[in-house]
Amino acid sequence: MKNARNNELSDRRSAAAEAKAALLNAYRNAKDTAEPTRLAKQAERQAIAAAREERRAQRERVKLEELERAQAAEAERQAAAEAAARAEIDAREAADKDRIARVIADEAARKAERDLRYANRKARKS
């Protein structure tokens, strides 16, 4: 059943204004009643965000520690390789010096033998 009264423009305007006011009041009431749950949800979201940030920071720390461990292991490996190379070079130099010393000693022994033969030959001739 339709509204039987005569709807004038002013009646329609006042009805629209009343409807808008009723909607606004309903919104305000709903907002006020939902305020505690909204605050609780907001606090929960903040706690979740803080926990998420803490987990991200923890992951960053773990990655940084792993990177530092890898760099330390690489530096250790490099130092060991350099020490091995240095030891090899030192051993090679020692072997070269030993060989040179033996060659010089052999030369000296041959020279001593030659000088002895020469001295014996001179002694036989005279």
Protein backbone atom coordinates (compact mmCIF):
# COMPACT_ATOMS: atom_id res chain seq x y z
CA MET A 1 0.00 0.00 0.00
CA LYS A 2 1.39 3.26 -1.11
CA ASN A 3 1.65 6.34 0.95
CA ALA A 4 -1.80 7.88 0.66
CA ARG A 5 -0.88 11.38 1.61
CA ASN A 6 0.05 13.98 -0.94
CA ASN A 7 3.81 14.19 -1.34
CA GLU A 8 4.89 17.71 -1.88
CA LEU A 9 8.47 18.73 -2.59
CA SER A 10 8.97 19.99 0.94
CA ASP A 11 7.66 16.70 2.34
CA ARG A 12 10.07 14.73 0.16
CA ARG A 13 12.97 16.99 1.18
CA SER A 14 12.21 16.66 4.88
CA ALA A 15 11.84 12.87 4.53
CA ALA A 16 15.24 12.69 2.76
CA ALA A 17 16.84 14.86 5.46
CA GLU A 18 15.34 12.67 8.19
CA ALA A 19 16.60 9.54 6.42
CA LYS A 20 20.11 11.04 6.13
CA ALA A 21 20.05 12.01 9.81
CA ALA A 22 18.89 8.51 10.76
CA LEU A 23 21.71 6.96 8.67
CA LEU A 24 24.25 9.31 10.27
CA ASN A 25 23.01 8.47 13.77
CA ALA A 26 23.10 4.75 12.97
CA TYR A 27 26.68 5.12 11.67
CA ARG A 28 27.76 7.02 14.81
CA ASN A 29 26.15 4.43 17.08
CA ALA A 30 27.77 1.56 15.18
CA LYS A 31 31.12 3.35 15.28
CA ASP A 32 30.88 3.95 19.04
CA THR A 33 29.87 0.36 19.77
CA ALA A 34 32.65 -1.01 17.53
CA GLU A 35 35.34 1.25 19.06
CA PRO A 36 36.64 -1.29 21.65
CA THR A 37 36.86 -4.08 19.08
CA ARG A 38 38.48 -1.69 16.60
CA LEU A 39 41.10 -0.73 19.17
CA ALA A 40 41.68 -4.38 20.02
CA LYS A 41 42.08 -5.28 16.34
CA GLN A 42 44.40 -2.32 15.82
CA ALA A 43 46.53 -3.40 18.79
CA GLU A 44 46.58 -6.97 17.45
CA ARG A 45 47.67 -5.74 14.02
CA GLN A 46 50.44 -3.67 15.60
CA ALA A 47 51.62 -6.68 17.60
CA ILE A 48 51.63 -8.82 14.45
CA ALA A 49 53.55 -6.13 12.57
CA ALA A 50 56.09 -5.85 15.40
CA ALA A 51 56.54 -9.64 15.46
CA ARG A 52 56.93 -9.67 11.68
CA GLU A 53 59.56 -6.92 11.90
CA GLU A 54 61.40 -8.82 14.62
CA ARG A 55 61.43 -11.99 12.49
CA ARG A 56 62.73 -9.97 9.53
CA ALA A 57 65.48 -8.45 11.68
CA GLN A 58 66.37 -11.93 12.98
CA ARG A 59 66.61 -13.23 9.41
CA GLU A 60 68.85 -10.28 8.52
CA ARG A 61 71.10 -11.03 11.52
CA VAL A 62 71.31 -14.70 10.56
CA LYS A 63 72.18 -13.80 6.96
CA LEU A 64 74.81 -11.33 8.13
CA GLU A 65 76.35 -13.88 10.51
CA GLU A 66 76.38 -16.50 7.75
CA LEU A 67 78.04 -14.02 5.38
CA GLU A 68 80.64 -13.16 8.02
CA ARG A 69 81.31 -16.87 8.64
CA ALA A 70 81.69 -17.46 4.91
CA GLN A 71 84.06 -14.50 4.60
CA ALA A 72 86.08 -15.70 7.58
CA ALA A 73 86.27 -19.22 6.12
CA GLU A 74 87.33 -17.77 2.76
CA ALA A 75 89.99 -15.61 4.43
CA GLU A 76 91.20 -18.63 6.40
CA ARG A 77 91.36 -20.73 3.24
CA GLN A 78 93.19 -17.96 1.42
CA ALA A 79 95.67 -17.58 4.29
CA ALA A 80 96.26 -21.34 4.29
CA ALA A 81 96.82 -21.30 0.53
CA GLU A 82 99.25 -18.39 0.86
CA ALA A 83 101.08 -20.17 3.69
CA ALA A 84 101.30 -23.35 1.60
CA ALA A 85 102.60 -21.37 -1.37
CA ARG A 86 105.13 -19.59 0.86
CA ALA A 87 106.24 -22.94 2.33
CA GLU A 88 106.63 -24.40 -1.16
CA ILE A 89 108.68 -21.40 -2.27
CA ASP A 90 110.85 -21.63 0.86
CA ALA A 91 111.36 -25.37 0.31
CA ARG A 92 112.28 -24.77 -3.33
CA GLU A 93 114.74 -22.04 -2.33
CA ALA A 94 116.25 -24.29 0.36
CA ALA A 95 116.61 -27.11 -2.18
CA ASP A 96 118.25 -24.72 -4.64
CA LYS A 97 120.65 -23.46 -1.96
CA ASP A 98 121.46 -27.04 -0.94
CA ARG A 99 122.11 -28.02 -4.55
CA ILE A 100 124.32 -24.96 -5.06
CA ALA A 101 126.22 -25.79 -1.86
CA ARG A 102 126.73 -29.38 -3.06
CA VAL A 103 127.91 -28.17 -6.48
CA ILE A 104 130.36 -25.77 -4.82
CA ALA A 105 131.57 -28.51 -2.46
CA ASP A 106 131.99 -30.91 -5.41
CA GLU A 107 133.90 -28.23 -7.33
CA ALA A 108 136.12 -27.63 -4.32
CA ALA A 109 136.74 -31.38 -3.95
CA ARG A 110 137.59 -31.70 -7.66
CA LYS A 111 139.88 -28.70 -7.45
CA ALA A 112 141.58 -30.18 -4.38
CA GLU A 113 142.01 -33.50 -6.25
CA ARG A 114 143.39 -31.72 -9.31
CA ASP A 115 145.75 -29.65 -7.18
CA LEU A 116 146.90 -32.85 -5.43
CA ARG A 117 147.54 -34.58 -8.78
CA TYR A 118 149.39 -31.52 -10.01
CA ALA A 119 151.48 -31.39 -6.85
CA ASN A 120 152.24 -35.16 -7.14
CA ARG A 121 153.22 -34.75 -10.79
CA LYS A 122 155.52 -31.85 -9.90
CA ALA A 123 157.00 -33.89 -7.10
CA ARG A 124 157.70 -36.83 -9.43
CA LYS A 125 159.35 -34.58 -11.98
CA SER A 126 161.70 -32.96 -9.58
